[in-house]
Amino acid sequence: MSTESFITFYMLLPLVAIFVYYFYSERRRIYFLQPLEKEKVFRCTQCGMVYTDDSEVELSPCPKCGSPNEKIKF
């Protein structure tokens, strides 16, 4: 193995590893965050319970006490 190919191999190997890691982590992020974007987070004003509901709902009843609540604004 010549010196040039040795250096090229050890320069490209970390770049390929970084690309593979980036691609893998980006796919995981999309897979896990996609379902969360379709739901809204609510906090009950009566009992303080935090829960999620569909994105179409503006007022959601608390599953614990039943009082209607607005979504949390982050």
PDB file of N, CA and C in Angstrom:
ATOM      1  N   MET A   1       0.853  -1.176   0.000  1.00  0.00           N
ATOM      2  CA  MET A   1       0.000   0.000   0.000  1.00  0.00           C
ATOM      3  C   MET A   1       0.895   1.234   0.000  1.00  0.00           C
ATOM      4  N   SER A   2       0.651   2.132  -0.940  1.00  0.00           N
ATOM      5  CA  SER A   2       1.473   3.339  -1.023  1.00  0.00           C
ATOM      6  C   SER A   2       1.065   4.340   0.055  1.00  0.00           C
ATOM      7  N   THR A   3       1.903   5.299   0.259  1.00  0.00           N
ATOM      8  CA  THR A   3       1.666   6.313   1.288  1.00  0.00           C
ATOM      9  C   THR A   3       0.441   7.155   0.948  1.00  0.00           C
ATOM     10  N   GLU A   4       0.264   7.486  -0.321  1.00  0.00           N
ATOM     11  CA  GLU A   4      -0.882   8.310  -0.728  1.00  0.00           C
ATOM     12  C   GLU A   4      -2.207   7.584  -0.497  1.00  0.00           C
ATOM     13  N   SER A   5      -2.278   6.327  -0.859  1.00  0.00           N
ATOM     14  CA  SER A   5      -3.517   5.587  -0.653  1.00  0.00           C
ATOM     15  C   SER A   5      -3.765   5.335   0.844  1.00  0.00           C
ATOM     16  N   PHE A   6      -2.701   5.166   1.616  1.00  0.00           N
ATOM     17  CA  PHE A   6      -2.824   5.002   3.060  1.00  0.00           C
ATOM     18  C   PHE A   6      -3.426   6.262   3.686  1.00  0.00           C
ATOM     19  N   ILE A   7      -2.913   7.424   3.309  1.00  0.00           N
ATOM     20  CA  ILE A   7      -3.417   8.696   3.842  1.00  0.00           C
ATOM     21  C   ILE A   7      -4.848   8.942   3.367  1.00  0.00           C
ATOM     22  N   THR A   8      -5.124   8.657   2.113  1.00  0.00           N
ATOM     23  CA  THR A   8      -6.470   8.843   1.572  1.00  0.00           C
ATOM     24  C   THR A   8      -7.469   7.962   2.308  1.00  0.00           C
ATOM     25  N   PHE A   9      -7.109   6.722   2.551  1.00  0.00           N
ATOM     26  CA  PHE A   9      -7.993   5.795   3.258  1.00  0.00           C
ATOM     27  C   PHE A   9      -8.312   6.302   4.655  1.00  0.00           C
ATOM     28  N   TYR A  10      -7.308   6.747   5.391  1.00  0.00           N
ATOM     29  CA  TYR A  10      -7.531   7.208   6.757  1.00  0.00           C
ATOM     30  C   TYR A  10      -8.148   8.599   6.833  1.00  0.00           C
ATOM     31  N   MET A  11      -8.172   9.324   5.728  1.00  0.00           N
ATOM     32  CA  MET A  11      -8.892  10.596   5.696  1.00  0.00           C
ATOM     33  C   MET A  11     -10.358  10.368   5.326  1.00  0.00           C
ATOM     34  N   LEU A  12     -10.619   9.420   4.446  1.00  0.00           N
ATOM     35  CA  LEU A  12     -11.990   9.172   4.016  1.00  0.00           C
ATOM     36  C   LEU A  12     -12.788   8.336   5.009  1.00  0.00           C
ATOM     37  N   LEU A  13     -12.128   7.466   5.737  1.00  0.00           N
ATOM     38  CA  LEU A  13     -12.829   6.613   6.691  1.00  0.00           C
ATOM     39  C   LEU A  13     -13.601   7.412   7.746  1.00  0.00           C
ATOM     40  N   PRO A  14     -13.014   8.421   8.403  1.00  0.00           N
ATOM     41  CA  PRO A  14     -13.809   9.211   9.359  1.00  0.00           C
ATOM     42  C   PRO A  14     -14.928  10.013   8.693  1.00  0.00           C
ATOM     43  N   LEU A  15     -14.689  10.507   7.480  1.00  0.00           N
ATOM     44  CA  LEU A  15     -15.738  11.247   6.786  1.00  0.00           C
ATOM     45  C   LEU A  15     -16.924  10.356   6.452  1.00  0.00           C
ATOM     46  N   VAL A  16     -16.662   9.140   6.030  1.00  0.00           N
ATOM     47  CA  VAL A  16     -17.736   8.194   5.745  1.00  0.00           C
ATOM     48  C   VAL A  16     -18.471   7.839   7.038  1.00  0.00           C
ATOM     49  N   ALA A  17     -17.749   7.648   8.118  1.00  0.00           N
ATOM     50  CA  ALA A  17     -18.369   7.327   9.406  1.00  0.00           C
ATOM     51  C   ALA A  17     -19.262   8.477   9.886  1.00  0.00           C
ATOM     52  N   ILE A  18     -18.817   9.702   9.720  1.00  0.00           N
ATOM     53  CA  ILE A  18     -19.619  10.863  10.117  1.00  0.00           C
ATOM     54  C   ILE A  18     -20.879  10.952   9.263  1.00  0.00           C
ATOM     55  N   PHE A  19     -20.754  10.715   7.959  1.00  0.00           N
ATOM     56  CA  PHE A  19     -21.912  10.748   7.073  1.00  0.00           C
ATOM     57  C   PHE A  19     -22.923   9.666   7.443  1.00  0.00           C
ATOM     58  N   VAL A  20     -22.450   8.477   7.714  1.00  0.00           N
ATOM     59  CA  VAL A  20     -23.356   7.372   8.083  1.00  0.00           C
ATOM     60  C   VAL A  20     -24.054   7.693   9.399  1.00  0.00           C
ATOM     61  N   TYR A  21     -23.317   8.218  10.385  1.00  0.00           N
ATOM     62  CA  TYR A  21     -23.922   8.583  11.668  1.00  0.00           C
ATOM     63  C   TYR A  21     -24.961   9.690  11.493  1.00  0.00           C
ATOM     64  N   TYR A  22     -24.658  10.693  10.690  1.00  0.00           N
ATOM     65  CA  TYR A  22     -25.603  11.788  10.444  1.00  0.00           C
ATOM     66  C   TYR A  22     -26.871  11.256   9.790  1.00  0.00           C
ATOM     67  N   PHE A  23     -26.727  10.428   8.778  1.00  0.00           N
ATOM     68  CA  PHE A  23     -27.876   9.868   8.078  1.00  0.00           C
ATOM     69  C   PHE A  23     -28.730   9.035   9.031  1.00  0.00           C
ATOM     70  N   TYR A  24     -28.100   8.217   9.858  1.00  0.00           N
ATOM     71  CA  TYR A  24     -28.813   7.377  10.824  1.00  0.00           C
ATOM     72  C   TYR A  24     -29.555   8.226  11.860  1.00  0.00           C
ATOM     73  N   SER A  25     -28.890   9.225  12.420  1.00  0.00           N
ATOM     74  CA  SER A  25     -29.523  10.049  13.453  1.00  0.00           C
ATOM     75  C   SER A  25     -30.644  10.909  12.878  1.00  0.00           C
ATOM     76  N   GLU A  26     -30.498  11.361  11.653  1.00  0.00           N
ATOM     77  CA  GLU A  26     -31.560  12.147  11.027  1.00  0.00           C
ATOM     78  C   GLU A  26     -32.799  11.288  10.758  1.00  0.00           C
ATOM     79  N   ARG A  27     -32.610  10.069  10.330  1.00  0.00           N
ATOM     80  CA  ARG A  27     -33.732   9.155  10.114  1.00  0.00           C
ATOM     81  C   ARG A  27     -34.445   8.846  11.430  1.00  0.00           C
ATOM     82  N   ARG A  28     -33.681   8.651  12.513  1.00  0.00           N
ATOM     83  CA  ARG A  28     -34.294   8.397  13.823  1.00  0.00           C
ATOM     84  C   ARG A  28     -35.088   9.609  14.291  1.00  0.00           C
ATOM     85  N   ARG A  29     -34.528  10.809  14.092  1.00  0.00           N
ATOM     86  CA  ARG A  29     -35.205  12.027  14.526  1.00  0.00           C
ATOM     87  C   ARG A  29     -36.536  12.178  13.793  1.00  0.00           C
ATOM     88  N   ILE A  30     -36.544  11.951  12.506  1.00  0.00           N
ATOM     89  CA  ILE A  30     -37.768  12.061  11.725  1.00  0.00           C
ATOM     90  C   ILE A  30     -38.774  11.000  12.168  1.00  0.00           C
ATOM     91  N   TYR A  31     -38.302   9.792  12.410  1.00  0.00           N
ATOM     92  CA  TYR A  31     -39.188   8.695  12.790  1.00  0.00           C
ATOM     93  C   TYR A  31     -39.846   8.944  14.146  1.00  0.00           C
ATOM     94  N   PHE A  32     -39.075   9.446  15.121  1.00  0.00           N
ATOM     95  CA  PHE A  32     -39.616   9.626  16.470  1.00  0.00           C
ATOM     96  C   PHE A  32     -40.365  10.940  16.650  1.00  0.00           C
ATOM     97  N   LEU A  33     -40.007  12.000  15.943  1.00  0.00           N
ATOM     98  CA  LEU A  33     -40.661  13.288  16.143  1.00  0.00           C
ATOM     99  C   LEU A  33     -41.896  13.476  15.280  1.00  0.00           C
ATOM    100  N   GLN A  34     -42.036  12.735  14.219  1.00  0.00           N
ATOM    101  CA  GLN A  34     -43.178  12.903  13.340  1.00  0.00           C
ATOM    102  C   GLN A  34     -44.511  12.664  14.053  1.00  0.00           C
ATOM    103  N   PRO A  35     -44.671  11.601  14.838  1.00  0.00           N
ATOM    104  CA  PRO A  35     -45.959  11.436  15.540  1.00  0.00           C
ATOM    105  C   PRO A  35     -46.229  12.531  16.570  1.00  0.00           C
ATOM    106  N   LEU A  36     -45.182  13.096  17.171  1.00  0.00           N
ATOM    107  CA  LEU A  36     -45.379  14.126  18.189  1.00  0.00           C
ATOM    108  C   LEU A  36     -45.860  15.438  17.591  1.00  0.00           C
ATOM    109  N   GLU A  37     -45.523  15.722  16.336  1.00  0.00           N
ATOM    110  CA  GLU A  37     -45.940  16.969  15.720  1.00  0.00           C
ATOM    111  C   GLU A  37     -47.426  16.989  15.419  1.00  0.00           C
ATOM    112  N   LYS A  38     -48.075  15.845  15.371  1.00  0.00           N
ATOM    113  CA  LYS A  38     -49.487  15.769  15.070  1.00  0.00           C
ATOM    114  C   LYS A  38     -50.360  15.935  16.307  1.00  0.00           C
ATOM    115  N   GLU A  39     -49.766  16.011  17.477  1.00  0.00           N
ATOM    116  CA  GLU A  39     -50.522  16.136  18.718  1.00  0.00           C
ATOM    117  C   GLU A  39     -50.195  17.457  19.404  1.00  0.00           C
ATOM    118  N   LYS A  40     -51.155  17.946  20.172  1.00  0.00           N
ATOM    119  CA  LYS A  40     -50.940  19.147  20.975  1.00  0.00           C
ATOM    120  C   LYS A  40     -50.853  18.751  22.441  1.00  0.00           C
ATOM    121  N   VAL A  41     -50.140  19.553  23.205  1.00  0.00           N
ATOM    122  CA  VAL A  41     -49.960  19.301  24.635  1.00  0.00           C
ATOM    123  C   VAL A  41     -50.911  20.211  25.407  1.00  0.00           C
ATOM    124  N   PHE A  42     -51.603  19.630  26.376  1.00  0.00           N
ATOM    125  CA  PHE A  42     -52.563  20.350  27.208  1.00  0.00           C
ATOM    126  C   PHE A  42     -52.186  20.191  28.674  1.00  0.00           C
ATOM    127  N   ARG A  43     -52.497  21.220  29.484  1.00  0.00           N
ATOM    128  CA  ARG A  43     -52.336  21.138  30.940  1.00  0.00           C
ATOM    129  C   ARG A  43     -53.660  21.544  31.576  1.00  0.00           C
ATOM    130  N   CYS A  44     -54.136  20.683  32.444  1.00  0.00           N
ATOM    131  CA  CYS A  44     -55.418  20.924  33.108  1.00  0.00           C
ATOM    132  C   CYS A  44     -55.269  22.050  34.125  1.00  0.00           C
ATOM    133  N   THR A  45     -56.224  22.984  34.098  1.00  0.00           N
ATOM    134  CA  THR A  45     -56.200  24.098  35.052  1.00  0.00           C
ATOM    135  C   THR A  45     -56.731  23.685  36.420  1.00  0.00           C
ATOM    136  N   GLN A  46     -57.510  22.600  36.481  1.00  0.00           N
ATOM    137  CA  GLN A  46     -58.077  22.146  37.745  1.00  0.00           C
ATOM    138  C   GLN A  46     -57.121  21.235  38.525  1.00  0.00           C
ATOM    139  N   CYS A  47     -56.640  20.160  37.857  1.00  0.00           N
ATOM    140  CA  CYS A  47     -55.831  19.167  38.581  1.00  0.00           C
ATOM    141  C   CYS A  47     -54.342  19.208  38.208  1.00  0.00           C
ATOM    142  N   GLY A  48     -53.964  19.952  37.149  1.00  0.00           N
ATOM    143  CA  GLY A  48     -52.559  20.088  36.787  1.00  0.00           C
ATOM    144  C   GLY A  48     -52.004  18.966  35.928  1.00  0.00           C
ATOM    145  N   MET A  49     -52.836  18.056  35.473  1.00  0.00           N
ATOM    146  CA  MET A  49     -52.365  16.932  34.652  1.00  0.00           C
ATOM    147  C   MET A  49     -51.943  17.428  33.267  1.00  0.00           C
ATOM    148  N   VAL A  50     -50.827  16.904  32.761  1.00  0.00           N
ATOM    149  CA  VAL A  50     -50.342  17.220  31.421  1.00  0.00           C
ATOM    150  C   VAL A  50     -50.639  16.027  30.532  1.00  0.00           C
ATOM    151  N   TYR A  51     -51.261  16.296  29.366  1.00  0.00           N
ATOM    152  CA  TYR A  51     -51.651  15.216  28.456  1.00  0.00           C
ATOM    153  C   TYR A  51     -51.627  15.730  27.019  1.00  0.00           C
ATOM    154  N   THR A  52     -51.733  14.821  26.040  1.00  0.00           N
ATOM    155  CA  THR A  52     -51.753  15.192  24.629  1.00  0.00           C
ATOM    156  C   THR A  52     -53.093  14.810  24.013  1.00  0.00           C
ATOM    157  N   ASP A  53     -53.422  15.496  22.911  1.00  0.00           N
ATOM    158  CA  ASP A  53     -54.644  15.209  22.170  1.00  0.00           C
ATOM    159  C   ASP A  53     -54.389  15.532  20.700  1.00  0.00           C
ATOM    160  N   ASP A  54     -55.353  15.242  19.842  1.00  0.00           N
ATOM    161  CA  ASP A  54     -55.216  15.481  18.408  1.00  0.00           C
ATOM    162  C   ASP A  54     -54.977  16.950  18.109  1.00  0.00           C
ATOM    163  N   SER A  55     -54.385  17.206  16.938  1.00  0.00           N
ATOM    164  CA  SER A  55     -54.064  18.580  16.573  1.00  0.00           C
ATOM    165  C   SER A  55     -55.290  19.379  16.146  1.00  0.00           C
ATOM    166  N   GLU A  56     -56.395  18.722  15.786  1.00  0.00           N
ATOM    167  CA  GLU A  56     -57.587  19.447  15.352  1.00  0.00           C
ATOM    168  C   GLU A  56     -58.370  20.044  16.515  1.00  0.00           C
ATOM    169  N   VAL A  57     -58.135  19.574  17.713  1.00  0.00           N
ATOM    170  CA  VAL A  57     -58.921  19.979  18.883  1.00  0.00           C
ATOM    171  C   VAL A  57     -58.328  21.255  19.494  1.00  0.00           C
ATOM    172  N   GLU A  58     -59.179  22.269  19.721  1.00  0.00           N
ATOM    173  CA  GLU A  58     -58.735  23.495  20.391  1.00  0.00           C
ATOM    174  C   GLU A  58     -58.943  23.403  21.904  1.00  0.00           C
ATOM    175  N   LEU A  59     -60.073  22.866  22.331  1.00  0.00           N
ATOM    176  CA  LEU A  59     -60.358  22.626  23.747  1.00  0.00           C
ATOM    177  C   LEU A  59     -60.467  21.122  23.945  1.00  0.00           C
ATOM    178  N   SER A  60     -59.696  20.612  24.887  1.00  0.00           N
ATOM    179  CA  SER A  60     -59.683  19.174  25.128  1.00  0.00           C
ATOM    180  C   SER A  60     -60.071  18.887  26.578  1.00  0.00           C
ATOM    181  N   PRO A  61     -60.964  17.939  26.803  1.00  0.00           N
ATOM    182  CA  PRO A  61     -61.318  17.601  28.183  1.00  0.00           C
ATOM    183  C   PRO A  61     -60.198  16.810  28.859  1.00  0.00           C
ATOM    184  N   CYS A  62     -59.969  17.108  30.107  1.00  0.00           N
ATOM    185  CA  CYS A  62     -58.946  16.399  30.881  1.00  0.00           C
ATOM    186  C   CYS A  62     -59.382  14.947  31.083  1.00  0.00           C
ATOM    187  N   PRO A  63     -58.493  13.977  30.856  1.00  0.00           N
ATOM    188  CA  PRO A  63     -58.880  12.586  31.071  1.00  0.00           C
ATOM    189  C   PRO A  63     -59.085  12.236  32.545  1.00  0.00           C
ATOM    190  N   LYS A  64     -58.534  13.058  33.447  1.00  0.00           N
ATOM    191  CA  LYS A  64     -58.639  12.763  34.873  1.00  0.00           C
ATOM    192  C   LYS A  64     -59.895  13.377  35.500  1.00  0.00           C
ATOM    193  N   CYS A  65     -60.111  14.678  35.239  1.00  0.00           N
ATOM    194  CA  CYS A  65     -61.242  15.346  35.896  1.00  0.00           C
ATOM    195  C   CYS A  65     -62.323  15.822  34.931  1.00  0.00           C
ATOM    196  N   GLY A  66     -62.045  15.876  33.635  1.00  0.00           N
ATOM    197  CA  GLY A  66     -63.064  16.214  32.649  1.00  0.00           C
ATOM    198  C   GLY A  66     -63.206  17.686  32.331  1.00  0.00           C
ATOM    199  N   SER A  67     -62.450  18.582  32.947  1.00  0.00           N
ATOM    200  CA  SER A  67     -62.591  20.013  32.656  1.00  0.00           C
ATOM    201  C   SER A  67     -61.922  20.337  31.314  1.00  0.00           C
ATOM    202  N   PRO A  68     -62.546  21.241  30.516  1.00  0.00           N
ATOM    203  CA  PRO A  68     -61.963  21.596  29.219  1.00  0.00           C
ATOM    204  C   PRO A  68     -60.741  22.499  29.392  1.00  0.00           C
ATOM    205  N   ASN A  69     -59.717  22.279  28.547  1.00  0.00           N
ATOM    206  CA  ASN A  69     -58.462  23.011  28.659  1.00  0.00           C
ATOM    207  C   ASN A  69     -57.971  23.432  27.286  1.00  0.00           C
ATOM    208  N   GLU A  70     -57.238  24.554  27.271  1.00  0.00           N
ATOM    209  CA  GLU A  70     -56.599  25.024  26.036  1.00  0.00           C
ATOM    210  C   GLU A  70     -55.198  24.455  25.955  1.00  0.00           C
ATOM    211  N   LYS A  71     -54.634  24.451  24.730  1.00  0.00           N
ATOM    212  CA  LYS A  71     -53.296  23.895  24.543  1.00  0.00           C
ATOM    213  C   LYS A  71     -52.243  24.787  25.200  1.00  0.00           C
ATOM    214  N   ILE A  72     -51.107  24.187  25.522  1.00  0.00           N
ATOM    215  CA  ILE A  72     -49.985  24.906  26.106  1.00  0.00           C
ATOM    216  C   ILE A  72     -49.211  25.578  24.980  1.00  0.00           C
ATOM    217  N   LYS A  73     -48.870  26.840  25.140  1.00  0.00           N
ATOM    218  CA  LYS A  73     -48.044  27.546  24.178  1.00  0.00           C
ATOM    219  C   LYS A  73     -46.621  27.581  24.697  1.00  0.00           C
ATOM    220  N   PHE A  74     -45.705  27.027  23.925  1.00  0.00           N
ATOM    221  CA  PHE A  74     -44.296  26.967  24.332  1.00  0.00           C
ATOM    222  C   PHE A  74     -43.554  28.182  23.873  1.00  0.00           C
TER     223      PHE A  74
END
